[in-house]
PDB file of N, CA and C in Angstrom:
ATOM      1  N   MET A   1       0.851  -1.171   0.000  1.00  0.00           N
ATOM      2  CA  MET A   1       0.000   0.000   0.000  1.00  0.00           C
ATOM      3  C   MET A   1       0.901   1.241   0.000  1.00  0.00           C
ATOM      4  N   GLN A   2       0.589   2.164  -0.874  1.00  0.00           N
ATOM      5  CA  GLN A   2       1.393   3.375  -1.007  1.00  0.00           C
ATOM      6  C   GLN A   2       0.736   4.515  -0.242  1.00  0.00           C
ATOM      7  N   PHE A   3       1.561   5.255   0.513  1.00  0.00           N
ATOM      8  CA  PHE A   3       1.062   6.403   1.264  1.00  0.00           C
ATOM      9  C   PHE A   3       0.914   7.583   0.318  1.00  0.00           C
ATOM     10  N   GLN A   4      -0.261   8.176   0.310  1.00  0.00           N
ATOM     11  CA  GLN A   4      -0.482   9.368  -0.495  1.00  0.00           C
ATOM     12  C   GLN A   4      -0.828  10.512   0.439  1.00  0.00           C
ATOM     13  N   GLU A   5      -0.046  11.569   0.332  1.00  0.00           N
ATOM     14  CA  GLU A   5      -0.268  12.725   1.182  1.00  0.00           C
ATOM     15  C   GLU A   5      -1.386  13.565   0.592  1.00  0.00           C
ATOM     16  N   GLY A   6      -2.361  13.895   1.400  1.00  0.00           N
ATOM     17  CA  GLY A   6      -3.483  14.696   0.934  1.00  0.00           C
ATOM     18  C   GLY A   6      -3.207  16.183   1.072  1.00  0.00           C
ATOM     19  N   PHE A   7      -3.869  16.957   0.286  1.00  0.00           N
ATOM     20  CA  PHE A   7      -3.740  18.403   0.355  1.00  0.00           C
ATOM     21  C   PHE A   7      -5.061  18.988   0.804  1.00  0.00           C
ATOM     22  N   HIS A   8      -4.959  19.974   1.616  1.00  0.00           N
ATOM     23  CA  HIS A   8      -6.137  20.643   2.148  1.00  0.00           C
ATOM     24  C   HIS A   8      -6.013  22.131   1.864  1.00  0.00           C
ATOM     25  N   THR A   9      -7.067  22.841   2.108  1.00  0.00           N
ATOM     26  CA  THR A   9      -7.050  24.284   1.955  1.00  0.00           C
ATOM     27  C   THR A   9      -7.406  24.912   3.285  1.00  0.00           C
ATOM     28  N   TYR A  10      -6.591  25.840   3.691  1.00  0.00           N
ATOM     29  CA  TYR A  10      -6.819  26.605   4.914  1.00  0.00           C
ATOM     30  C   TYR A  10      -6.736  28.079   4.558  1.00  0.00           C
ATOM     31  N   TYR A  11      -7.454  28.879   5.291  1.00  0.00           N
ATOM     32  CA  TYR A  11      -7.483  30.313   5.044  1.00  0.00           C
ATOM     33  C   TYR A  11      -7.181  31.065   6.324  1.00  0.00           C
ATOM     34  N   ILE A  12      -6.471  32.167   6.187  1.00  0.00           N
ATOM     35  CA  ILE A  12      -6.501  33.179   7.231  1.00  0.00           C
ATOM     36  C   ILE A  12      -7.374  34.284   6.650  1.00  0.00           C
ATOM     37  N   TYR A  13      -8.065  34.982   7.512  1.00  0.00           N
ATOM     38  CA  TYR A  13      -8.990  35.997   7.022  1.00  0.00           C
ATOM     39  C   TYR A  13      -9.066  37.155   7.997  1.00  0.00           C
ATOM     40  N   ILE A  14      -9.437  38.298   7.460  1.00  0.00           N
ATOM     41  CA  ILE A  14      -9.695  39.480   8.275  1.00  0.00           C
ATOM     42  C   ILE A  14     -11.111  39.931   7.962  1.00  0.00           C
ATOM     43  N   ILE A  15     -11.918  40.018   9.005  1.00  0.00           N
ATOM     44  CA  ILE A  15     -13.281  40.515   8.851  1.00  0.00           C
ATOM     45  C   ILE A  15     -13.437  41.779   9.684  1.00  0.00           C
ATOM     46  N   THR A  16     -14.482  42.522   9.378  1.00  0.00           N
ATOM     47  CA  THR A  16     -14.710  43.801  10.036  1.00  0.00           C
ATOM     48  C   THR A  16     -16.203  44.018  10.259  1.00  0.00           C
ATOM     49  N   ASN A  17     -16.530  45.131  10.894  1.00  0.00           N
ATOM     50  CA  ASN A  17     -17.937  45.493  11.063  1.00  0.00           C
ATOM     51  C   ASN A  17     -18.349  46.436   9.929  1.00  0.00           C
ATOM     52  N   LYS A  18     -19.590  46.856   9.946  1.00  0.00           N
ATOM     53  CA  LYS A  18     -20.140  47.662   8.854  1.00  0.00           C
ATOM     54  C   LYS A  18     -19.383  48.976   8.663  1.00  0.00           C
ATOM     55  N   THR A  19     -18.918  49.563   9.746  1.00  0.00           N
ATOM     56  CA  THR A  19     -18.220  50.851   9.668  1.00  0.00           C
ATOM     57  C   THR A  19     -16.701  50.693   9.563  1.00  0.00           C
ATOM     58  N   LYS A  20     -16.230  49.465   9.518  1.00  0.00           N
ATOM     59  CA  LYS A  20     -14.806  49.136   9.336  1.00  0.00           C
ATOM     60  C   LYS A  20     -13.926  49.696  10.458  1.00  0.00           C
ATOM     61  N   THR A  21     -14.441  49.677  11.668  1.00  0.00           N
ATOM     62  CA  THR A  21     -13.682  50.197  12.812  1.00  0.00           C
ATOM     63  C   THR A  21     -12.998  49.105  13.622  1.00  0.00           C
ATOM     64  N   VAL A  22     -13.392  47.855  13.432  1.00  0.00           N
ATOM     65  CA  VAL A  22     -12.843  46.737  14.205  1.00  0.00           C
ATOM     66  C   VAL A  22     -12.391  45.651  13.229  1.00  0.00           C
ATOM     67  N   PHE A  23     -11.238  45.043  13.507  1.00  0.00           N
ATOM     68  CA  PHE A  23     -10.755  43.929  12.696  1.00  0.00           C
ATOM     69  C   PHE A  23     -10.670  42.673  13.550  1.00  0.00           C
ATOM     70  N   TYR A  24     -11.038  41.544  12.938  1.00  0.00           N
ATOM     71  CA  TYR A  24     -10.882  40.235  13.562  1.00  0.00           C
ATOM     72  C   TYR A  24     -10.106  39.372  12.575  1.00  0.00           C
ATOM     73  N   THR A  25      -9.048  38.743  13.048  1.00  0.00           N
ATOM     74  CA  THR A  25      -8.249  37.849  12.211  1.00  0.00           C
ATOM     75  C   THR A  25      -8.451  36.422  12.691  1.00  0.00           C
ATOM     76  N   GLY A  26      -8.722  35.513  11.763  1.00  0.00           N
ATOM     77  CA  GLY A  26      -8.957  34.127  12.125  1.00  0.00           C
ATOM     78  C   GLY A  26      -8.374  33.174  11.104  1.00  0.00           C
ATOM     79  N   VAL A  27      -8.488  31.890  11.402  1.00  0.00           N
ATOM     80  CA  VAL A  27      -8.032  30.827  10.498  1.00  0.00           C
ATOM     81  C   VAL A  27      -9.129  29.771  10.415  1.00  0.00           C
ATOM     82  N   THR A  28      -9.302  29.175   9.245  1.00  0.00           N
ATOM     83  CA  THR A  28     -10.346  28.173   9.049  1.00  0.00           C
ATOM     84  C   THR A  28      -9.989  27.282   7.870  1.00  0.00           C
ATOM     85  N   ASN A  29     -10.640  26.133   7.788  1.00  0.00           N
ATOM     86  CA  ASN A  29     -10.466  25.280   6.618  1.00  0.00           C
ATOM     87  C   ASN A  29     -11.638  25.416   5.652  1.00  0.00           C
ATOM     88  N   ASN A  30     -12.652  26.202   6.020  1.00  0.00           N
ATOM     89  CA  ASN A  30     -13.789  26.444   5.136  1.00  0.00           C
ATOM     90  C   ASN A  30     -14.282  27.863   5.383  1.00  0.00           C
ATOM     91  N   LEU A  31     -13.875  28.771   4.530  1.00  0.00           N
ATOM     92  CA  LEU A  31     -14.184  30.182   4.751  1.00  0.00           C
ATOM     93  C   LEU A  31     -15.678  30.470   4.630  1.00  0.00           C
ATOM     94  N   ARG A  32     -16.349  29.825   3.714  1.00  0.00           N
ATOM     95  CA  ARG A  32     -17.792  30.049   3.554  1.00  0.00           C
ATOM     96  C   ARG A  32     -18.539  29.694   4.837  1.00  0.00           C
ATOM     97  N   ILE A  33     -18.260  28.519   5.371  1.00  0.00           N
ATOM     98  CA  ILE A  33     -18.923  28.089   6.607  1.00  0.00           C
ATOM     99  C   ILE A  33     -18.552  29.006   7.768  1.00  0.00           C
ATOM    100  N   ARG A  34     -17.278  29.370   7.857  1.00  0.00           N
ATOM    101  CA  ARG A  34     -16.833  30.210   8.977  1.00  0.00           C
ATOM    102  C   ARG A  34     -17.475  31.580   8.936  1.00  0.00           C
ATOM    103  N   LEU A  35     -17.632  32.175   7.755  1.00  0.00           N
ATOM    104  CA  LEU A  35     -18.304  33.472   7.651  1.00  0.00           C
ATOM    105  C   LEU A  35     -19.762  33.348   8.086  1.00  0.00           C
ATOM    106  N   ASN A  36     -20.396  32.252   7.709  1.00  0.00           N
ATOM    107  CA  ASN A  36     -21.777  32.018   8.138  1.00  0.00           C
ATOM    108  C   ASN A  36     -21.858  31.844   9.654  1.00  0.00           C
ATOM    109  N   GLN A  37     -20.867  31.199  10.246  1.00  0.00           N
ATOM    110  CA  GLN A  37     -20.852  31.036  11.702  1.00  0.00           C
ATOM    111  C   GLN A  37     -20.731  32.387  12.411  1.00  0.00           C
ATOM    112  N   HIS A  38     -19.895  33.259  11.887  1.00  0.00           N
ATOM    113  CA  HIS A  38     -19.783  34.595  12.477  1.00  0.00           C
ATOM    114  C   HIS A  38     -21.125  35.314  12.421  1.00  0.00           C
ATOM    115  N   LYS A  39     -21.788  35.240  11.273  1.00  0.00           N
ATOM    116  CA  LYS A  39     -23.091  35.894  11.113  1.00  0.00           C
ATOM    117  C   LYS A  39     -24.119  35.287  12.071  1.00  0.00           C
ATOM    118  N   GLU A  40     -24.108  33.967  12.193  1.00  0.00           N
ATOM    119  CA  GLU A  40     -25.033  33.272  13.088  1.00  0.00           C
ATOM    120  C   GLU A  40     -24.798  33.675  14.549  1.00  0.00           C
ATOM    121  N   ASN A  41     -23.535  33.777  14.952  1.00  0.00           N
ATOM    122  CA  ASN A  41     -23.223  34.203  16.321  1.00  0.00           C
ATOM    123  C   ASN A  41     -23.759  35.599  16.605  1.00  0.00           C
ATOM    124  N   ILE A  42     -23.732  36.460  15.614  1.00  0.00           N
ATOM    125  CA  ILE A  42     -24.277  37.816  15.780  1.00  0.00           C
ATOM    126  C   ILE A  42     -25.784  37.734  15.960  1.00  0.00           C
ATOM    127  N   LEU A  43     -26.440  36.976  15.099  1.00  0.00           N
ATOM    128  CA  LEU A  43     -27.903  36.861  15.174  1.00  0.00           C
ATOM    129  C   LEU A  43     -28.356  36.248  16.498  1.00  0.00           C
ATOM    130  N   LEU A  44     -27.602  35.265  16.989  1.00  0.00           N
ATOM    131  CA  LEU A  44     -27.963  34.597  18.248  1.00  0.00           C
ATOM    132  C   LEU A  44     -27.457  35.346  19.481  1.00  0.00           C
ATOM    133  N   LYS A  45     -26.721  36.434  19.227  1.00  0.00           N
ATOM    134  CA  LYS A  45     -26.150  37.246  20.314  1.00  0.00           C
ATOM    135  C   LYS A  45     -25.267  36.414  21.235  1.00  0.00           C
ATOM    136  N   ASN A  46     -24.535  35.478  20.629  1.00  0.00           N
ATOM    137  CA  ASN A  46     -23.568  34.692  21.404  1.00  0.00           C
ATOM    138  C   ASN A  46     -22.456  35.607  21.900  1.00  0.00           C
ATOM    139  N   LYS A  47     -21.852  35.230  22.983  1.00  0.00           N
ATOM    140  CA  LYS A  47     -20.824  36.083  23.594  1.00  0.00           C
ATOM    141  C   LYS A  47     -19.458  35.820  22.962  1.00  0.00           C
ATOM    142  N   THR A  48     -19.322  36.224  21.712  1.00  0.00           N
ATOM    143  CA  THR A  48     -18.057  36.110  21.005  1.00  0.00           C
ATOM    144  C   THR A  48     -17.594  37.503  20.624  1.00  0.00           C
ATOM    145  N   PHE A  49     -16.329  37.639  20.287  1.00  0.00           N
ATOM    146  CA  PHE A  49     -15.799  38.923  19.839  1.00  0.00           C
ATOM    147  C   PHE A  49     -16.588  39.410  18.634  1.00  0.00           C
ATOM    148  N   ALA A  50     -16.822  38.516  17.685  1.00  0.00           N
ATOM    149  CA  ALA A  50     -17.522  38.885  16.453  1.00  0.00           C
ATOM    150  C   ALA A  50     -18.937  39.379  16.723  1.00  0.00           C
ATOM    151  N   SER A  51     -19.637  38.728  17.629  1.00  0.00           N
ATOM    152  CA  SER A  51     -21.006  39.164  17.902  1.00  0.00           C
ATOM    153  C   SER A  51     -21.031  40.452  18.712  1.00  0.00           C
ATOM    154  N   LYS A  52     -20.097  40.611  19.629  1.00  0.00           N
ATOM    155  CA  LYS A  52     -20.038  41.830  20.441  1.00  0.00           C
ATOM    156  C   LYS A  52     -19.814  43.067  19.570  1.00  0.00           C
ATOM    157  N   TYR A  53     -18.935  42.939  18.581  1.00  0.00           N
ATOM    158  CA  TYR A  53     -18.595  44.082  17.724  1.00  0.00           C
ATOM    159  C   TYR A  53     -19.242  44.010  16.340  1.00  0.00           C
ATOM    160  N   ILE A  54     -20.150  43.053  16.152  1.00  0.00           N
ATOM    161  CA  ILE A  54     -20.884  42.850  14.906  1.00  0.00           C
ATOM    162  C   ILE A  54     -19.921  42.783  13.718  1.00  0.00           C
ATOM    163  N   VAL A  55     -18.958  41.871  13.839  1.00  0.00           N
ATOM    164  CA  VAL A  55     -17.897  41.699  12.851  1.00  0.00           C
ATOM    165  C   VAL A  55     -18.247  40.510  11.959  1.00  0.00           C
ATOM    166  N   GLU A  56     -18.524  40.785  10.677  1.00  0.00           N
ATOM    167  CA  GLU A  56     -18.938  39.717   9.770  1.00  0.00           C
ATOM    168  C   GLU A  56     -18.538  39.933   8.316  1.00  0.00           C
ATOM    169  N   PHE A  57     -17.933  41.057   7.998  1.00  0.00           N
ATOM    170  CA  PHE A  57     -17.662  41.400   6.603  1.00  0.00           C
ATOM    171  C   PHE A  57     -16.200  41.131   6.239  1.00  0.00           C
ATOM    172  N   LEU A  58     -16.001  40.296   5.231  1.00  0.00           N
ATOM    173  CA  LEU A  58     -14.669  39.871   4.808  1.00  0.00           C
ATOM    174  C   LEU A  58     -13.967  40.985   4.032  1.00  0.00           C
ATOM    175  N   LEU A  59     -12.756  41.327   4.490  1.00  0.00           N
ATOM    176  CA  LEU A  59     -11.931  42.314   3.801  1.00  0.00           C
ATOM    177  C   LEU A  59     -10.712  41.695   3.139  1.00  0.00           C
ATOM    178  N   TYR A  60     -10.204  40.592   3.716  1.00  0.00           N
ATOM    179  CA  TYR A  60      -8.930  40.050   3.273  1.00  0.00           C
ATOM    180  C   TYR A  60      -8.865  38.560   3.586  1.00  0.00           C
ATOM    181  N   TYR A  61      -8.177  37.810   2.725  1.00  0.00           N
ATOM    182  CA  TYR A  61      -7.924  36.403   3.020  1.00  0.00           C
ATOM    183  C   TYR A  61      -6.675  35.944   2.277  1.00  0.00           C
ATOM    184  N   GLU A  62      -6.073  34.899   2.807  1.00  0.00           N
ATOM    185  CA  GLU A  62      -4.955  34.212   2.166  1.00  0.00           C
ATOM    186  C   GLU A  62      -5.234  32.722   2.250  1.00  0.00           C
ATOM    187  N   LYS A  63      -4.753  31.996   1.265  1.00  0.00           N
ATOM    188  CA  LYS A  63      -4.987  30.561   1.158  1.00  0.00           C
ATOM    189  C   LYS A  63      -3.694  29.805   1.441  1.00  0.00           C
ATOM    190  N   PHE A  64      -3.802  28.681   2.158  1.00  0.00           N
ATOM    191  CA  PHE A  64      -2.650  27.850   2.513  1.00  0.00           C
ATOM    192  C   PHE A  64      -2.987  26.382   2.306  1.00  0.00           C
ATOM    193  N   THR A  65      -1.965  25.592   2.070  1.00  0.00           N
ATOM    194  CA  THR A  65      -2.125  24.145   1.974  1.00  0.00           C
ATOM    195  C   THR A  65      -1.908  23.495   3.333  1.00  0.00           C
ATOM    196  N   TRP A  66      -1.028  24.060   4.139  1.00  0.00           N
ATOM    197  CA  TRP A  66      -0.671  23.465   5.422  1.00  0.00           C
ATOM    198  C   TRP A  66      -1.221  24.294   6.566  1.00  0.00           C
ATOM    199  N   VAL A  67      -1.915  23.642   7.480  1.00  0.00           N
ATOM    200  CA  VAL A  67      -2.535  24.339   8.596  1.00  0.00           C
ATOM    201  C   VAL A  67      -1.502  25.049   9.458  1.00  0.00           C
ATOM    202  N   GLN A  68      -0.329  24.467   9.607  1.00  0.00           N
ATOM    203  CA  GLN A  68       0.707  25.103  10.431  1.00  0.00           C
ATOM    204  C   GLN A  68       1.109  26.458   9.849  1.00  0.00           C
ATOM    205  N   ASP A  69       1.186  26.532   8.525  1.00  0.00           N
ATOM    206  CA  ASP A  69       1.524  27.795   7.873  1.00  0.00           C
ATOM    207  C   ASP A  69       0.426  28.829   8.085  1.00  0.00           C
ATOM    208  N   ALA A  70      -0.816  28.383   8.005  1.00  0.00           N
ATOM    209  CA  ALA A  70      -1.946  29.296   8.212  1.00  0.00           C
ATOM    210  C   ALA A  70      -1.955  29.822   9.647  1.00  0.00           C
ATOM    211  N   ILE A  71      -1.739  28.957  10.608  1.00  0.00           N
ATOM    212  CA  ILE A  71      -1.733  29.369  12.017  1.00  0.00           C
ATOM    213  C   ILE A  71      -0.586  30.334  12.290  1.00  0.00           C
ATOM    214  N   THR A  72       0.586  30.049  11.724  1.00  0.00           N
ATOM    215  CA  THR A  72       1.731  30.945  11.900  1.00  0.00           C
ATOM    216  C   THR A  72       1.428  32.324  11.333  1.00  0.00           C
ATOM    217  N   ARG A  73       0.822  32.363  10.155  1.00  0.00           N
ATOM    218  CA  ARG A  73       0.482  33.654   9.518  1.00  0.00           C
ATOM    219  C   ARG A  73      -0.585  34.386  10.326  1.00  0.00           C
ATOM    220  N   GLU A  74      -1.582  33.665  10.811  1.00  0.00           N
ATOM    221  CA  GLU A  74      -2.631  34.288  11.632  1.00  0.00           C
ATOM    222  C   GLU A  74      -2.013  34.957  12.853  1.00  0.00           C
ATOM    223  N   LYS A  75      -1.133  34.248  13.544  1.00  0.00           N
ATOM    224  CA  LYS A  75      -0.486  34.805  14.734  1.00  0.00           C
ATOM    225  C   LYS A  75       0.355  36.028  14.389  1.00  0.00           C
ATOM    226  N   GLU A  76       1.039  35.970  13.250  1.00  0.00           N
ATOM    227  CA  GLU A  76       1.840  37.111  12.810  1.00  0.00           C
ATOM    228  C   GLU A  76       0.963  38.350  12.622  1.00  0.00           C
ATOM    229  N   ILE A  77      -0.134  38.181  11.878  1.00  0.00           N
ATOM    230  CA  ILE A  77      -1.024  39.314  11.594  1.00  0.00           C
ATOM    231  C   ILE A  77      -1.691  39.826  12.864  1.00  0.00           C
ATOM    232  N   LYS A  78      -2.093  38.923  13.747  1.00  0.00           N
ATOM    233  CA  LYS A  78      -2.721  39.352  15.002  1.00  0.00           C
ATOM    234  C   LYS A  78      -1.798  40.234  15.829  1.00  0.00           C
ATOM    235  N   GLY A  79      -0.484  40.067  15.663  1.00  0.00           N
ATOM    236  CA  GLY A  79       0.473  40.867  16.410  1.00  0.00           C
ATOM    237  C   GLY A  79       0.733  42.243  15.812  1.00  0.00           C
ATOM    238  N   TRP A  80       0.185  42.499  14.644  1.00  0.00           N
ATOM    239  CA  TRP A  80       0.429  43.765  13.968  1.00  0.00           C
ATOM    240  C   TRP A  80      -0.444  44.886  14.502  1.00  0.00           C
ATOM    241  N   ARG A  81       0.036  46.107  14.336  1.00  0.00           N
ATOM    242  CA  ARG A  81      -0.762  47.288  14.625  1.00  0.00           C
ATOM    243  C   ARG A  81      -1.776  47.491  13.496  1.00  0.00           C
ATOM    244  N   ARG A  82      -2.804  48.251  13.767  1.00  0.00           N
ATOM    245  CA  ARG A  82      -3.875  48.500  12.806  1.00  0.00           C
ATOM    246  C   ARG A  82      -3.349  49.004  11.458  1.00  0.00           C
ATOM    247  N   GLU A  83      -2.404  49.931  11.491  1.00  0.00           N
ATOM    248  CA  GLU A  83      -1.890  50.530  10.255  1.00  0.00           C
ATOM    249  C   GLU A  83      -1.283  49.477   9.329  1.00  0.00           C
ATOM    250  N   LYS A  84      -0.576  48.530   9.900  1.00  0.00           N
ATOM    251  CA  LYS A  84       0.044  47.479   9.092  1.00  0.00           C
ATOM    252  C   LYS A  84      -1.026  46.554   8.511  1.00  0.00           C
ATOM    253  N   LYS A  85      -2.079  46.285   9.268  1.00  0.00           N
ATOM    254  CA  LYS A  85      -3.186  45.478   8.754  1.00  0.00           C
ATOM    255  C   LYS A  85      -3.878  46.198   7.603  1.00  0.00           C
ATOM    256  N   LEU A  86      -4.046  47.498   7.735  1.00  0.00           N
ATOM    257  CA  LEU A  86      -4.669  48.277   6.656  1.00  0.00           C
ATOM    258  C   LEU A  86      -3.844  48.182   5.372  1.00  0.00           C
ATOM    259  N   GLU A  87      -2.542  48.268   5.496  1.00  0.00           N
ATOM    260  CA  GLU A  87      -1.672  48.157   4.325  1.00  0.00           C
ATOM    261  C   GLU A  87      -1.773  46.764   3.695  1.00  0.00           C
ATOM    262  N   LEU A  88      -1.860  45.728   4.515  1.00  0.00           N
ATOM    263  CA  LEU A  88      -2.021  44.370   4.001  1.00  0.00           C
ATOM    264  C   LEU A  88      -3.332  44.230   3.239  1.00  0.00           C
ATOM    265  N   ILE A  89      -4.406  44.706   3.811  1.00  0.00           N
ATOM    266  CA  ILE A  89      -5.723  44.620   3.161  1.00  0.00           C
ATOM    267  C   ILE A  89      -5.686  45.312   1.799  1.00  0.00           C
ATOM    268  N   LYS A  90      -5.040  46.469   1.738  1.00  0.00           N
ATOM    269  CA  LYS A  90      -4.968  47.233   0.484  1.00  0.00           C
ATOM    270  C   LYS A  90      -4.272  46.468  -0.638  1.00  0.00           C
ATOM    271  N   THR A  91      -3.424  45.484  -0.303  1.00  0.00           N
ATOM    272  CA  THR A  91      -2.704  44.746  -1.348  1.00  0.00           C
ATOM    273  C   THR A  91      -3.639  43.949  -2.250  1.00  0.00           C
ATOM    274  N   ILE A  92      -4.768  43.497  -1.710  1.00  0.00           N
ATOM    275  CA  ILE A  92      -5.727  42.762  -2.564  1.00  0.00           C
ATOM    276  C   ILE A  92      -7.085  43.452  -2.642  1.00  0.00           C
ATOM    277  N   ASN A  93      -7.310  44.434  -1.783  1.00  0.00           N
ATOM    278  CA  ASN A  93      -8.630  45.056  -1.680  1.00  0.00           C
ATOM    279  C   ASN A  93      -8.458  46.556  -1.408  1.00  0.00           C
ATOM    280  N   PRO A  94      -7.945  47.308  -2.381  1.00  0.00           N
ATOM    281  CA  PRO A  94      -7.626  48.719  -2.152  1.00  0.00           C
ATOM    282  C   PRO A  94      -8.829  49.592  -1.792  1.00  0.00           C
ATOM    283  N   ASP A  95     -10.029  49.172  -2.177  1.00  0.00           N
ATOM    284  CA  ASP A  95     -11.231  49.958  -1.874  1.00  0.00           C
ATOM    285  C   ASP A  95     -11.945  49.484  -0.611  1.00  0.00           C
ATOM    286  N   PHE A  96     -11.374  48.489   0.058  1.00  0.00           N
ATOM    287  CA  PHE A  96     -11.966  47.936   1.280  1.00  0.00           C
ATOM    288  C   PHE A  96     -13.410  47.482   1.066  1.00  0.00           C
ATOM    289  N   ASP A  97     -13.629  46.849  -0.094  1.00  0.00           N
ATOM    290  CA  ASP A  97     -14.945  46.279  -0.381  1.00  0.00           C
ATOM    291  C   ASP A  97     -15.164  45.050   0.481  1.00  0.00           C
ATOM    292  N   PHE A  98     -16.421  44.743   0.763  1.00  0.00           N
ATOM    293  CA  PHE A  98     -16.750  43.514   1.473  1.00  0.00           C
ATOM    294  C   PHE A  98     -16.704  42.369   0.461  1.00  0.00           C
ATOM    295  N   LEU A  99     -15.949  41.313   0.769  1.00  0.00           N
ATOM    296  CA  LEU A  99     -15.702  40.226  -0.171  1.00  0.00           C
ATOM    297  C   LEU A  99     -16.491  38.958   0.124  1.00  0.00           C
ATOM    298  N   ASN A 100     -17.455  39.032   0.994  1.00  0.00           N
ATOM    299  CA  ASN A 100     -18.230  37.841   1.377  1.00  0.00           C
ATOM    300  C   ASN A 100     -18.838  37.125   0.181  1.00  0.00           C
ATOM    301  N   TYR A 101     -19.232  37.874  -0.831  1.00  0.00           N
ATOM    302  CA  TYR A 101     -19.882  37.293  -1.989  1.00  0.00           C
ATOM    303  C   TYR A 101     -19.002  36.246  -2.691  1.00  0.00           C
ATOM    304  N   LEU A 102     -17.689  36.346  -2.513  1.00  0.00           N
ATOM    305  CA  LEU A 102     -16.777  35.378  -3.120  1.00  0.00           C
ATOM    306  C   LEU A 102     -16.935  33.973  -2.539  1.00  0.00           C
ATOM    307  N   PHE A 103     -17.535  33.886  -1.354  1.00  0.00           N
ATOM    308  CA  PHE A 103     -17.635  32.598  -0.661  1.00  0.00           C
ATOM    309  C   PHE A 103     -19.077  32.226  -0.331  1.00  0.00           C
ATOM    310  N   GLU A 104     -19.998  32.749  -1.085  1.00  0.00           N
ATOM    311  CA  GLU A 104     -21.415  32.399  -0.849  1.00  0.00           C
ATOM    312  C   GLU A 104     -21.806  31.192  -1.645  1.00  0.00           C
TER     313      GLU A 104
END
């Protein structure tokens, strides 16, 4: 029997609220489902960061094959100041459009 290594997709993402005043950075293996979970937590008023600040709009994401790489990148971005996050978002989304439609 031959071992075959599987490939997966993982994402780091940055979401915001309607007025773009708060950023949340996360990691997931299914961005569509995770965005829906954030929205659901808001509707159910669960006690999460996303629901407290009504954070559900996707501004930025990166794709990874290895979960360790995604987690490392998430931690890196979480350590950044707001200004550096804004510059990162501008690299793929200069108008700060909400990108949720890409994963519906």
